[in-house]
Protein backbone atom coordinates (compact mmCIF):
# COMPACT_ATOMS: atom_id res chain seq x y z
CA UNK A 1 29.64 -11.34 51.40
CA UNK A 2 30.86 -13.30 48.46
CA UNK A 3 31.59 -11.16 45.42
CA UNK A 4 30.50 -12.09 41.91
CA UNK A 5 31.40 -10.96 38.37
CA UNK A 6 29.44 -8.48 36.41
CA UNK A 7 28.57 -11.30 33.95
CA UNK A 8 27.00 -13.40 36.73
CA UNK A 9 25.18 -10.34 38.12
CA UNK A 10 23.71 -9.57 34.74
CA UNK A 11 22.22 -13.10 34.37
CA UNK A 12 20.83 -12.83 37.99
CA UNK A 13 19.30 -9.42 37.06
CA UNK A 14 17.55 -10.90 33.99
CA UNK A 15 16.14 -13.62 36.24
CA UNK A 16 14.97 -11.08 38.77
CA UNK A 17 13.21 -9.10 36.02
CA UNK A 18 11.34 -12.22 35.02
CA UNK A 19 13.02 -12.61 31.60
CA UNK A 20 12.02 -15.91 30.10
CA UNK A 21 13.53 -15.55 26.54
CA UNK A 22 16.64 -13.79 25.35
CA UNK A 23 17.58 -13.26 21.67
CA UNK A 24 21.34 -13.27 21.35
CA UNK A 25 24.23 -13.55 18.91
CA UNK A 26 27.68 -14.24 20.26
CA UNK A 27 31.10 -12.57 19.95
CA UNK A 28 34.31 -11.89 21.79
CA UNK A 29 33.08 -9.21 24.07
CA UNK A 30 30.09 -11.17 25.33
CA UNK A 31 31.47 -14.72 25.32
CA UNK A 32 31.68 -14.69 29.12
CA UNK A 33 27.96 -13.56 29.35
CA UNK A 34 27.10 -16.53 27.10
CA UNK A 35 29.03 -18.80 29.40
CA UNK A 36 26.96 -17.67 32.34
CA UNK A 37 23.79 -18.15 30.36
CA UNK A 38 24.83 -21.67 29.48
CA UNK A 39 25.03 -22.58 33.20
CA UNK A 40 21.33 -21.70 33.95
CA UNK A 41 18.05 -23.08 32.78
CA UNK A 42 15.47 -20.42 33.56
CA UNK A 43 16.12 -18.13 30.55
CA UNK A 44 15.66 -19.68 27.03
CA UNK A 45 18.33 -18.36 24.66
CA UNK A 46 17.32 -18.00 20.93
CA UNK A 47 20.13 -17.86 18.35
CA UNK A 48 18.82 -16.06 15.26
CA UNK A 49 20.94 -15.72 12.08
CA UNK A 50 21.39 -11.96 11.92
CA UNK A 51 21.45 -9.22 14.56
CA UNK A 52 18.81 -7.13 12.83
CA UNK A 53 16.46 -10.04 12.67
CA UNK A 54 17.38 -10.76 16.33
CA UNK A 55 16.02 -7.40 17.51
CA UNK A 56 12.90 -7.66 15.28
CA UNK A 57 12.23 -11.03 16.97
CA UNK A 58 12.60 -9.56 20.37
CA UNK A 59 10.35 -6.66 19.20
CA UNK A 60 7.53 -8.88 18.03
CA UNK A 61 7.92 -11.00 21.12
CA UNK A 62 7.42 -7.84 23.23
CA UNK A 63 4.44 -6.54 21.15
CA UNK A 64 2.58 -9.87 21.29
CA UNK A 65 3.23 -10.75 24.96
CA UNK A 66 3.35 -7.36 26.64
CA UNK A 67 6.66 -8.29 28.10
CA UNK A 68 9.98 -6.44 27.71
CA UNK A 69 11.98 -7.92 24.82
CA UNK A 70 15.66 -8.60 25.69
CA UNK A 71 18.58 -8.75 23.22
CA UNK A 72 22.24 -9.50 23.51
CA UNK A 73 24.77 -8.77 20.77
CA UNK A 74 28.53 -8.31 20.53
CA UNK A 75 30.48 -5.08 19.92
CA UNK A 76 31.32 -3.45 16.64
CA UNK A 77 29.33 -4.97 13.68
CA UNK A 78 27.23 -6.93 16.07
CA UNK A 79 26.01 -3.68 17.65
CA UNK A 80 25.78 -1.63 14.46
CA UNK A 81 23.67 -4.30 12.88
CA UNK A 82 20.85 -3.68 15.33
CA UNK A 83 20.47 0.08 14.45
CA UNK A 84 17.50 -0.34 12.01
CA UNK A 85 15.68 -2.66 14.31
CA UNK A 86 16.19 -0.29 17.28
CA UNK A 87 14.74 2.58 15.28
CA UNK A 88 11.81 0.32 14.25
CA UNK A 89 10.94 -0.39 17.84
CA UNK A 90 11.46 3.28 18.86
CA UNK A 91 9.04 4.61 16.33
CA UNK A 92 6.40 1.96 17.36
CA UNK A 93 6.91 2.37 21.08
CA UNK A 94 8.02 -1.16 21.78
CA UNK A 95 9.72 -1.97 25.17
CA UNK A 96 13.20 -3.54 24.52
CA UNK A 97 16.41 -3.77 26.55
CA UNK A 98 19.38 -4.33 24.25
CA UNK A 99 22.66 -5.28 25.73
CA UNK A 100 25.67 -4.70 23.55
CA UNK A 101 29.23 -5.91 24.19
CA UNK A 102 31.96 -3.33 24.21
CA UNK A 103 35.81 -3.46 24.18
CA UNK A 104 37.60 -2.90 27.56
CA UNK A 105 37.53 0.63 28.78
CA UNK A 106 41.21 1.32 28.09
CA UNK A 107 40.66 0.58 24.45
CA UNK A 108 37.60 2.72 23.93
CA UNK A 109 38.44 5.57 21.49
CA UNK A 110 41.53 3.77 20.15
CA UNK A 111 39.86 2.24 17.08
CA UNK A 112 40.22 -1.16 18.68
CA UNK A 113 39.13 -4.31 16.88
CA UNK A 114 35.34 -4.39 16.77
CA UNK A 115 34.93 -1.13 18.62
CA UNK A 116 31.90 1.14 17.86
CA UNK A 117 30.28 3.95 19.72
CA UNK A 118 26.80 2.33 19.78
CA UNK A 119 25.46 4.74 22.40
CA UNK A 120 26.41 7.65 20.21
CA UNK A 121 25.04 5.99 17.14
CA UNK A 122 21.64 5.14 18.66
CA UNK A 123 21.19 8.25 20.78
CA UNK A 124 18.42 9.71 18.54
CA UNK A 125 16.58 6.41 17.98
CA UNK A 126 16.22 4.94 21.46
CA UNK A 127 14.57 6.00 24.70
CA UNK A 128 17.81 5.77 26.69
CA UNK A 129 21.35 4.64 26.17
CA UNK A 130 24.28 4.24 28.53
CA UNK A 131 27.75 2.60 28.77
CA UNK A 132 28.44 1.00 32.10
CA UNK A 133 31.61 2.57 33.34
CA UNK A 134 31.87 1.06 36.80
CA UNK A 135 30.98 -2.42 38.08
CA UNK A 136 29.26 -1.05 41.11
CA UNK A 137 26.67 0.77 38.94
CA UNK A 138 25.75 -2.35 36.86
CA UNK A 139 22.83 -3.55 38.91
CA UNK A 140 21.24 -0.10 39.26
CA UNK A 141 21.63 0.55 35.51
CA UNK A 142 20.08 -2.70 34.47
CA UNK A 143 17.13 -2.05 36.81
CA UNK A 144 16.69 1.44 35.45
CA UNK A 145 16.91 0.12 31.84
CA UNK A 146 13.90 -2.22 32.29
CA UNK A 147 11.96 0.47 34.18
CA UNK A 148 12.52 3.09 31.44
CA UNK A 149 11.75 0.61 28.65
CA UNK A 150 8.28 -0.37 29.97
CA UNK A 151 6.99 2.78 31.57
CA UNK A 152 5.51 5.94 30.08
CA UNK A 153 5.69 5.72 26.30
CA UNK A 154 7.53 2.37 25.99
CA UNK A 155 10.66 2.12 23.93
CA UNK A 156 14.05 0.56 23.43
CA UNK A 157 16.94 1.02 25.75
CA UNK A 158 20.58 0.31 24.89
CA UNK A 159 23.03 -0.76 27.64
CA UNK A 160 26.65 -0.96 26.55
CA UNK A 161 28.82 -3.51 28.53
CA UNK A 162 32.68 -3.05 28.42
CA UNK A 163 34.23 -6.45 28.82
CA UNK A 164 36.53 -5.55 31.66
CA UNK A 165 33.66 -4.05 33.70
CA UNK A 166 31.78 -7.27 33.29
CA UNK A 167 34.75 -9.33 34.43
CA UNK A 168 35.22 -7.34 37.61
CA UNK A 169 34.03 -8.82 40.95
CA UNK A 170 31.57 -6.94 42.99
CA UNK A 171 28.37 -7.01 45.07
CA UNK A 172 25.86 -9.77 44.17
CA UNK A 173 22.93 -7.55 45.12
CA UNK A 174 20.33 -6.52 42.62
CA UNK A 175 18.14 -3.55 43.59
CA UNK A 176 14.56 -4.29 44.45
CA UNK A 177 13.37 -0.73 44.07
CA UNK A 178 14.21 2.21 41.78
CA UNK A 179 14.20 5.91 42.16
CA UNK A 180 15.11 8.20 39.26
CA UNK A 181 14.79 11.95 39.88
CA UNK A 182 15.03 12.81 36.14
CA UNK A 183 12.46 10.36 34.89
CA UNK A 184 8.84 10.56 36.24
CA UNK A 185 6.39 9.38 33.53
CA UNK A 186 2.89 10.78 33.90
CA UNK A 187 0.00 8.38 33.52
CA UNK A 188 -2.72 9.90 35.57
CA UNK A 189 -5.40 11.97 33.88
CA UNK A 190 -5.83 15.75 34.48
CA UNK A 191 -9.49 15.63 35.45
CA UNK A 192 -10.11 19.24 34.64
CA UNK A 193 -8.75 18.97 31.08
CA UNK A 194 -10.62 15.72 30.58
CA UNK A 195 -13.97 17.33 31.62
CA UNK A 196 -13.35 20.22 29.26
CA UNK A 197 -12.85 17.63 26.39
CA UNK A 198 -15.98 15.72 27.39
CA UNK A 199 -17.95 18.96 27.37
CA UNK A 200 -16.63 19.87 23.92
CA UNK A 201 -17.56 16.32 22.74
CA UNK A 202 -21.12 16.62 24.04
CA UNK A 203 -21.70 19.87 22.06
CA UNK A 204 -20.37 18.47 18.75
CA UNK A 205 -22.78 17.58 15.92
CA UNK A 206 -20.28 15.57 13.92
CA UNK A 207 -17.95 14.01 16.52
CA UNK A 208 -15.32 11.46 15.54
CA UNK A 209 -12.88 9.35 17.51
CA UNK A 210 -9.40 8.76 16.11
CA UNK A 211 -7.62 5.80 17.71
CA UNK A 212 -3.90 5.28 17.30
CA UNK A 213 -1.43 2.59 18.35
CA UNK A 214 -1.40 4.08 21.88
CA UNK A 215 -4.89 2.39 22.49
CA UNK A 216 -3.45 -1.00 21.58
CA UNK A 217 -0.15 -0.53 23.52
CA UNK A 218 -2.09 0.46 26.69
CA UNK A 219 -4.49 -2.47 26.21
CA UNK A 220 -7.31 -0.03 26.39
CA UNK A 221 -9.27 -1.80 23.59
CA UNK A 222 -12.14 -3.04 25.85
CA UNK A 223 -12.43 0.40 27.52
CA UNK A 224 -12.29 2.30 24.23
CA UNK A 225 -14.97 -0.02 22.65
CA UNK A 226 -17.32 0.65 25.64
CA UNK A 227 -16.67 4.34 25.26
CA UNK A 228 -17.63 4.34 21.63
CA UNK A 229 -20.80 2.34 22.38
CA UNK A 230 -21.78 4.51 25.27
CA UNK A 231 -21.45 7.77 23.25
CA UNK A 232 -22.51 6.37 19.86
CA UNK A 233 -19.63 8.23 18.29
CA UNK A 234 -18.01 6.68 15.09
CA UNK A 235 -14.31 5.73 14.98
CA UNK A 236 -11.52 5.86 12.54
CA UNK A 237 -8.04 4.43 13.23
CA UNK A 238 -4.47 4.74 12.10
CA UNK A 239 -2.77 1.64 10.79
CA UNK A 240 -1.19 1.13 14.19
CA UNK A 241 -4.50 1.76 15.84
CA UNK A 242 -6.39 -0.79 13.85
CA UNK A 243 -7.85 -3.33 16.19
CA UNK A 244 -8.51 -0.64 18.92
CA UNK A 245 -12.14 -1.51 18.33
CA UNK A 246 -13.21 -4.73 16.46
CA UNK A 247 -13.16 -4.11 12.72
CA UNK A 248 -16.63 -5.57 12.40
CA UNK A 249 -18.11 -3.13 14.86
CA UNK A 250 -20.92 -0.99 13.28
CA UNK A 251 -19.32 2.26 14.54
CA UNK A 252 -15.95 1.48 12.95
CA UNK A 253 -15.54 3.37 9.67
CA UNK A 254 -11.98 2.22 8.69
CA UNK A 255 -8.42 3.44 8.46
CA UNK A 256 -7.60 6.98 7.51
CA UNK A 257 -4.68 8.36 5.67
CA UNK A 258 -2.81 7.79 2.44
CA UNK A 259 -4.53 4.51 1.75
CA UNK A 260 -7.42 5.02 4.11
CA UNK A 261 -11.05 4.13 3.34
CA UNK A 262 -12.99 6.83 1.54
CA UNK A 263 -15.56 7.05 4.23
CA UNK A 264 -12.88 7.43 6.86
CA UNK A 265 -11.00 10.17 5.13
CA UNK A 266 -14.22 12.09 4.37
CA UNK A 267 -15.37 11.76 8.05
CA UNK A 268 -12.09 13.35 9.19
CA UNK A 269 -12.51 16.18 6.63
CA UNK A 270 -16.14 16.87 7.62
CA UNK A 271 -16.21 16.30 11.38
CA UNK A 272 -16.55 19.20 13.80
CA UNK A 273 -14.73 17.48 16.65
CA UNK A 274 -11.80 15.07 16.30
CA UNK A 275 -11.14 13.23 19.55
CA UNK A 276 -7.72 11.57 19.19
CA UNK A 277 -6.28 9.03 21.51
CA UNK A 278 -2.72 7.62 21.19
CA UNK A 279 -1.61 8.94 17.79
CA UNK A 280 1.22 11.19 16.63
CA UNK A 281 -0.55 12.69 13.54
CA UNK A 282 2.25 11.75 11.12
CA UNK A 283 2.16 12.79 7.53
CA UNK A 284 0.82 9.45 6.20
CA UNK A 285 -2.28 10.15 8.34
CA UNK A 286 -2.77 13.84 7.81
CA UNK A 287 -2.10 14.38 4.12
CA UNK A 288 -1.76 18.06 3.35
CA UNK A 289 -1.23 19.35 6.82
CA UNK A 290 -3.15 22.73 6.61
CA UNK A 291 -6.12 20.89 5.06
CA UNK A 292 -6.39 18.26 7.76
CA UNK A 293 -9.75 18.20 9.68
CA UNK A 294 -10.37 21.83 8.60
CA UNK A 295 -13.68 22.17 10.37
CA UNK A 296 -12.85 20.41 13.60
CA UNK A 297 -11.78 21.35 17.09
CA UNK A 298 -9.17 18.70 18.20
CA UNK A 299 -8.77 16.93 21.49
CA UNK A 300 -5.51 14.90 21.83
CA UNK A 301 -4.79 12.33 24.49
CA UNK A 302 -1.35 10.87 24.48
CA UNK A 303 1.17 9.51 27.01
CA UNK A 304 4.03 11.40 25.25
CA UNK A 305 4.11 15.12 25.82
CA UNK A 306 6.33 15.55 22.83
CA UNK A 307 3.68 14.10 20.54
CA UNK A 308 1.06 16.63 21.36
CA UNK A 309 0.70 19.71 19.04
CA UNK A 310 3.94 18.72 17.31
CA UNK A 311 2.37 18.21 13.89
CA UNK A 312 -1.25 19.31 14.38
CA UNK A 313 -2.27 22.14 16.69
CA UNK A 314 -4.86 20.87 19.17
CA UNK A 315 -7.47 22.66 21.20
CA UNK A 316 -7.33 20.48 24.35
CA UNK A 317 -4.09 18.55 25.09
CA UNK A 318 -4.23 15.82 27.69
CA UNK A 319 -1.08 13.92 28.67
CA UNK A 320 -2.27 10.48 29.96
CA UNK A 321 -2.12 6.76 29.42
CA UNK A 322 -4.92 5.65 27.11
CA UNK A 323 -6.21 2.96 29.55
CA UNK A 324 -6.58 5.41 32.48
CA UNK A 325 -8.02 8.12 30.26
CA UNK A 326 -10.77 5.90 28.71
CA UNK A 327 -11.56 4.41 32.15
CA UNK A 328 -12.16 7.88 33.49
CA UNK A 329 -14.10 9.00 30.49
CA UNK A 330 -16.59 6.18 30.96
CA UNK A 331 -17.55 7.77 34.25
CA UNK A 332 -18.62 11.04 32.66
CA UNK A 333 -19.72 10.62 29.01
CA UNK A 334 -23.28 10.27 27.88
CA UNK A 335 -24.97 9.01 24.74
CA UNK A 336 -25.05 11.45 21.82
CA UNK A 337 -27.47 11.94 19.04
CA UNK A 338 -25.29 11.06 16.03
CA UNK A 339 -28.07 9.63 13.77
CA UNK A 340 -27.74 12.06 11.00
CA UNK A 341 -23.90 11.98 11.08
CA UNK A 342 -23.85 8.20 11.01
CA UNK A 343 -26.26 8.33 8.03
CA UNK A 344 -23.91 10.56 6.09
CA UNK A 345 -20.99 8.18 6.87
CA UNK A 346 -23.06 5.27 5.70
CA UNK A 347 -23.73 6.93 2.31
CA UNK A 348 -19.97 7.48 1.92
CA UNK A 349 -19.37 3.79 2.62
CA UNK A 350 -21.97 2.80 0.08
CA UNK A 351 -20.68 5.18 -2.53
CA UNK A 352 -17.12 3.89 -2.34
CA UNK A 353 -16.89 0.44 -0.64
CA UNK A 354 -13.47 -0.91 0.12
CA UNK A 355 -13.13 -3.83 -2.37
CA UNK A 356 -10.99 -5.14 -5.26
CA UNK A 357 -13.26 -5.99 -8.13
CA UNK A 358 -11.36 -8.81 -9.67
CA UNK A 359 -13.67 -11.76 -10.34
CA UNK A 360 -12.17 -15.23 -10.72
CA UNK A 361 -8.71 -13.90 -10.01
CA UNK A 362 -6.20 -14.35 -7.28
CA UNK A 363 -5.99 -10.96 -5.35
CA UNK A 364 -4.55 -9.90 -2.05
CA UNK A 365 -8.08 -9.31 -0.78
CA UNK A 366 -9.14 -12.88 -1.56
CA UNK A 367 -6.09 -14.27 0.36
CA UNK A 368 -6.66 -12.02 3.35
CA UNK A 369 -10.38 -12.79 3.48
CA UNK A 370 -9.50 -16.51 3.53
CA UNK A 371 -7.23 -15.86 6.53
CA UNK A 372 -10.24 -14.09 8.13
CA UNK A 373 -12.40 -17.16 7.54
CA UNK A 374 -9.81 -19.77 8.45
CA UNK A 375 -8.57 -18.53 11.81
CA UNK A 376 -10.73 -17.85 14.90
CA UNK A 377 -7.61 -16.77 16.72
CA UNK A 378 -4.39 -15.59 15.04
CA UNK A 379 -1.46 -13.18 15.17
CA UNK A 380 -0.76 -11.70 11.77
CA UNK A 381 2.63 -10.15 11.17
CA UNK A 382 3.35 -8.16 8.00
CA UNK A 383 6.42 -6.90 6.25
CA UNK A 384 6.32 -3.50 4.50
CA UNK A 385 4.93 -2.63 1.14
CA UNK A 386 1.75 -3.09 -0.86
CA UNK A 387 0.85 -6.28 1.04
CA UNK A 388 1.06 -4.40 4.31
CA UNK A 389 -1.52 -1.85 3.07
CA UNK A 390 -3.84 -4.60 1.74
CA UNK A 391 -3.59 -6.30 5.04
CA UNK A 392 -4.50 -3.17 7.02
CA UNK A 393 -7.44 -2.67 4.70
CA UNK A 394 -8.91 -6.14 4.74
CA UNK A 395 -7.74 -7.97 7.79
CA UNK A 396 -10.40 -8.63 10.38
CA UNK A 397 -9.28 -7.79 13.90
CA UNK A 398 -11.00 -8.77 17.07
CA UNK A 399 -9.85 -9.46 20.69
CA UNK A 400 -8.50 -12.85 19.42
CA UNK A 401 -6.93 -11.59 16.25
CA UNK A 402 -3.94 -9.30 16.41
CA UNK A 403 -1.74 -7.42 13.89
CA UNK A 404 1.94 -6.67 14.23
CA UNK A 405 3.55 -4.41 11.68
CA UNK A 406 6.26 -1.81 11.32
CA UNK A 407 4.19 1.40 11.09
CA UNK A 408 6.38 4.30 12.08
CA UNK A 409 9.64 3.42 10.38
CA UNK A 410 8.24 1.15 7.64
CA UNK A 411 11.02 -1.38 7.78
CA UNK A 412 11.29 -3.92 5.02
CA UNK A 413 12.52 -7.23 6.57
CA UNK A 414 10.44 -6.94 9.68
CA UNK A 415 7.87 -9.63 8.74
CA UNK A 416 9.71 -12.97 8.90
CA UNK A 417 11.62 -12.35 12.12
CA UNK A 418 8.65 -10.66 13.59
CA UNK A 419 6.70 -13.84 12.98
CA UNK A 420 9.37 -15.94 14.66
CA UNK A 421 9.33 -13.66 17.74
CA UNK A 422 5.57 -13.69 18.01
CA UNK A 423 5.41 -17.51 17.66
CA UNK A 424 8.04 -18.01 20.35
CA UNK A 425 6.12 -15.72 22.67
CA UNK A 426 2.80 -17.32 21.83
CA UNK A 427 3.46 -21.05 21.11
CA UNK A 428 -0.25 -22.02 21.29
CA UNK A 429 -1.50 -19.26 18.95
CA UNK A 430 -1.41 -19.58 15.13
CA UNK A 431 0.99 -17.03 13.55
CA UNK A 432 0.62 -15.97 9.86
CA UNK A 433 3.10 -13.77 8.21
CA UNK A 434 2.31 -11.70 5.15
CA UNK A 435 5.21 -10.41 3.01
CA UNK A 436 6.08 -9.34 -0.42
CA UNK A 437 8.81 -11.04 -2.56
CA UNK A 438 11.06 -8.11 -1.86
CA UNK A 439 10.72 -7.87 1.88
CA UNK A 440 10.87 -11.62 2.30
CA UNK A 441 14.49 -11.71 0.96
CA UNK A 442 15.77 -9.18 3.47
CA UNK A 443 15.75 -11.56 6.44
CA UNK A 444 15.17 -14.93 4.72
CA UNK A 445 17.99 -16.50 6.73
CA UNK A 446 15.51 -16.66 9.61
CA UNK A 447 14.18 -19.91 8.05
CA UNK A 448 17.03 -21.61 9.89
CA UNK A 449 15.78 -20.11 13.16
CA UNK A 450 12.18 -21.01 12.50
CA UNK A 451 12.95 -24.56 11.45
CA UNK A 452 15.31 -25.34 14.42
CA UNK A 453 12.85 -23.87 16.88
CA UNK A 454 10.05 -26.04 15.33
CA UNK A 455 7.80 -23.00 14.72
CA UNK A 456 4.60 -23.76 12.63
CA UNK A 457 4.48 -20.24 11.13
CA UNK A 458 2.50 -19.79 7.96
CA UNK A 459 4.50 -17.56 5.68
CA UNK A 460 2.47 -15.93 2.86
CA UNK A 461 4.58 -14.32 0.11
CA UNK A 462 2.73 -12.03 -2.32
CA UNK A 463 4.93 -12.46 -5.40
CA UNK A 464 4.29 -9.92 -8.11
CA UNK A 465 7.93 -9.84 -9.22
CA UNK A 466 8.26 -6.23 -8.27
CA UNK A 467 8.97 -3.93 -5.44
CA UNK A 468 5.29 -3.16 -5.61
CA UNK A 469 4.73 0.02 -3.61
CA UNK A 470 7.51 1.94 -5.42
CA UNK A 471 6.34 0.50 -8.69
CA UNK A 472 2.82 1.86 -7.90
CA UNK A 473 4.21 5.34 -7.53
CA UNK A 474 6.25 4.88 -10.75
CA UNK A 475 3.09 3.87 -12.65
CA UNK A 476 0.88 6.59 -11.33
CA UNK A 477 3.29 9.59 -11.08
CA UNK A 478 6.44 8.72 -12.95
CA UNK A 479 5.27 7.84 -16.46
CA UNK A 480 5.70 4.06 -15.89
CA UNK A 481 9.47 4.41 -15.68
CA UNK A 482 10.09 1.27 -13.58
CA UNK A 483 13.54 2.11 -12.29
CA UNK A 484 15.06 -0.36 -9.71
CA UNK A 485 11.76 -2.08 -8.96
CA UNK A 486 11.67 -5.18 -11.20
CA UNK A 487 12.97 -8.14 -9.18
CA UNK A 488 13.51 -10.17 -12.35
CA UNK A 489 15.75 -7.53 -13.93
CA UNK A 490 19.03 -9.09 -15.20
CA UNK A 491 22.14 -7.95 -16.99
CA UNK A 492 20.48 -7.69 -20.40
CA UNK A 493 17.50 -5.69 -19.03
CA UNK A 494 19.35 -2.54 -18.04
CA UNK A 495 17.34 0.49 -19.33
CA UNK A 496 14.70 -1.60 -21.01
CA UNK A 497 12.35 -2.56 -18.12
CA UNK A 498 8.81 -2.00 -18.99
CA UNK A 499 9.45 -1.43 -22.70
CA UNK A 500 8.02 -3.56 -25.52
CA UNK A 501 10.08 -6.62 -26.38
CA UNK A 502 11.86 -6.81 -23.05
CA UNK A 503 11.73 -10.39 -21.72
CA UNK A 504 12.55 -10.84 -18.05
CA UNK A 505 14.67 -13.76 -16.95
CA UNK A 506 13.19 -16.39 -14.66
CA UNK A 507 12.34 -15.30 -11.19
CA UNK A 508 14.96 -16.09 -8.49
CA UNK A 509 14.78 -17.46 -6.00
CA UNK A 510 12.44 -20.44 -6.29
CA UNK A 511 10.67 -19.84 -2.89
CA UNK A 512 9.32 -23.45 -2.80
CA UNK A 513 12.70 -25.05 -3.22
CA UNK A 514 14.30 -22.49 -0.91
CA UNK A 515 11.87 -23.33 1.83
CA UNK A 516 12.42 -27.00 1.30
CA UNK A 517 16.20 -26.52 1.39
CA UNK A 518 15.88 -25.26 5.00
CA UNK A 519 13.67 -28.10 6.02
CA UNK A 520 10.40 -26.24 5.72
CA UNK A 521 7.47 -26.92 3.39
CA UNK A 522 6.76 -24.86 0.30
CA UNK A 523 3.53 -24.42 -1.68
CA UNK A 524 2.70 -22.30 -4.69
CA UNK A 525 -0.78 -20.83 -5.51
CA UNK A 526 -1.91 -19.44 -8.75
CA UNK A 527 -5.75 -19.59 -8.58
CA UNK A 528 -8.28 -18.30 -6.03
CA UNK A 529 -9.83 -21.77 -5.58
CA UNK A 530 -6.41 -23.00 -4.40
CA UNK A 531 -6.12 -20.56 -1.48
CA UNK A 532 -8.20 -22.43 1.08
CA UNK A 533 -6.55 -25.72 0.38
CA UNK A 534 -3.13 -24.25 0.74
CA UNK A 535 -4.00 -22.90 4.19
CA UNK A 536 -5.52 -26.25 5.23
CA UNK A 537 -2.35 -28.04 4.12
CA UNK A 538 -0.13 -25.53 5.98
CA UNK A 539 -2.15 -25.98 9.25
CA UNK A 540 -1.20 -29.68 9.23
CA UNK A 541 2.49 -28.75 9.82
CA UNK A 542 2.76 -28.36 13.49
CA UNK A 543 6.51 -28.46 13.85
CA UNK A 544 7.86 -26.69 10.80
CA UNK A 545 7.09 -23.39 8.95
CA UNK A 546 5.12 -23.51 5.69
CA UNK A 547 5.67 -20.94 2.95
CA UNK A 548 2.87 -20.31 0.50
CA UNK A 549 3.91 -18.33 -2.48
CA UNK A 550 0.92 -16.51 -4.08
CA UNK A 551 1.56 -15.44 -7.67
CA UNK A 552 -0.35 -12.14 -7.89
CA UNK A 553 -0.75 -9.55 -10.70
CA UNK A 554 1.60 -6.46 -10.44
CA UNK A 555 -1.29 -4.38 -11.70
CA UNK A 556 -3.20 -4.98 -8.36
CA UNK A 557 -2.50 -1.63 -6.87
CA UNK A 558 -3.44 -0.27 -3.45
CA UNK A 559 -6.60 1.93 -3.60
CA UNK A 560 -7.77 4.36 -2.41
CA UNK A 561 -4.65 6.48 -2.46
CA UNK A 562 -4.21 10.08 -1.47
CA UNK A 563 -2.33 11.99 -4.15
CA UNK A 564 1.25 13.02 -3.03
CA UNK A 565 0.90 16.38 -1.27
CA UNK A 566 -2.91 16.20 -1.45
CA UNK A 567 -5.63 16.54 1.12
CA UNK A 568 -7.36 13.45 2.63
CA UNK A 569 -10.46 13.84 0.39
CA UNK A 570 -8.32 13.99 -2.72
CA UNK A 571 -8.33 10.26 -3.32
CA UNK A 572 -7.50 8.16 -6.36
CA UNK A 573 -10.13 5.38 -6.26
CA UNK A 574 -8.84 3.38 -9.20
CA UNK A 575 -7.34 3.82 -12.70
């Protein structure tokens, strides 16, 4: 049997796993892997412009395709640059396998050039991490990495590859099967627990479904929608769960939480049964913890045992995959009489509708509604900030309209590379990115990647000259002391921002010129009547990105908003 190097076996393993795209950035410890990748034509190699962006691109590729995202970076700073993106994927349950180069084994621990203990660094923010110490273990470890990443609650895996191990000759065989005694993810439903939950549901007078990101991850959307329709029980979602049921469905109330719809938050506060599927009950959802769903018994279905009863005590815990759980529920549930309950919810909706009352003015709502009207099919990727909240409030989601966003970690800089990864994974689907002027500048170098890959992404930048979400808190709760939030602040502005007579310098950068410098197209919009025309112009560009800069008012704040430390029903509606 002819022996092959670890480098060659790795590339063979990637092919065996069906990898079609790899996002990589070179360096000394992985140059030989790059050489092997050069000599094949089955795996497309994408060269981003920064390692953090690289992993975000693989992340969005995975979210939008359902495949495992694959990354390759060198040792030292190449590896440490991926930490934020690994944490982002971990919090949002995204299946990634990230290969990092490492110095030869005899140099590990000697403070060698570009040495870093990436496994130690990422231990708490990934699903599994391991350094390959022996060439004979390489095939098995890669097989395990892909298996762990995509099964159970999906997540990122880090595999560290010492250069000398990869250079060694060994068996060319790659395992066909896998057996891990210490890892047995549970997906099947405990029927007894499920029947108890269904019985509790049938007795409720004010039942409410809460759908989290787990429904979308499991692709249980169709099942869940059928379940809602069969029971006639209304639905609220988390930000990550938005789209679990079409947002235009009559039984969908809205998002709950810090910037949730009034009716959604009130429904959670008044329901007598909260039936949650695929959510972690984090603090942005619950508000004041002891005041969350005070009148409700709680059922919690989740694939991750660690997420159940961690933040909120539940009455019936069920460890199961959302797809299998909803499929099984459909066999047993019956229609419920929720007429009075739905009438009450309708009154709340009518009392405080979700809208921005800004006539004849360019607003985030008007931009997002134009996206709703313009695209029958679309993947929308957001960055993090006010624009993200506006998007999750107003974006229409259906089976043909998807949303990708950093929900758990809230990572500024996710939007642009996320759009790149989504477009690479879905070349025939329009991709629209929505970012703020702050987040856009965190990975703006990916213009080069997008231009060279001929990606027709439409990049919407909401420019209000501020780090808007922090400014909103400063305005509402910190006496309008706008510290570190004005993006036009210059040398002469120190200590004066927001005071009378302070004149800000011109905004930098000029986004239109910047886009053009990369070979993309740039547009600027000031008025609401210009929005549709801008999108029509952008759609004509089929081989280059188009950036549309929307000049919006910094006083356009995200409402409703739960007061810090407040209960869900303690909402600021406007000011």
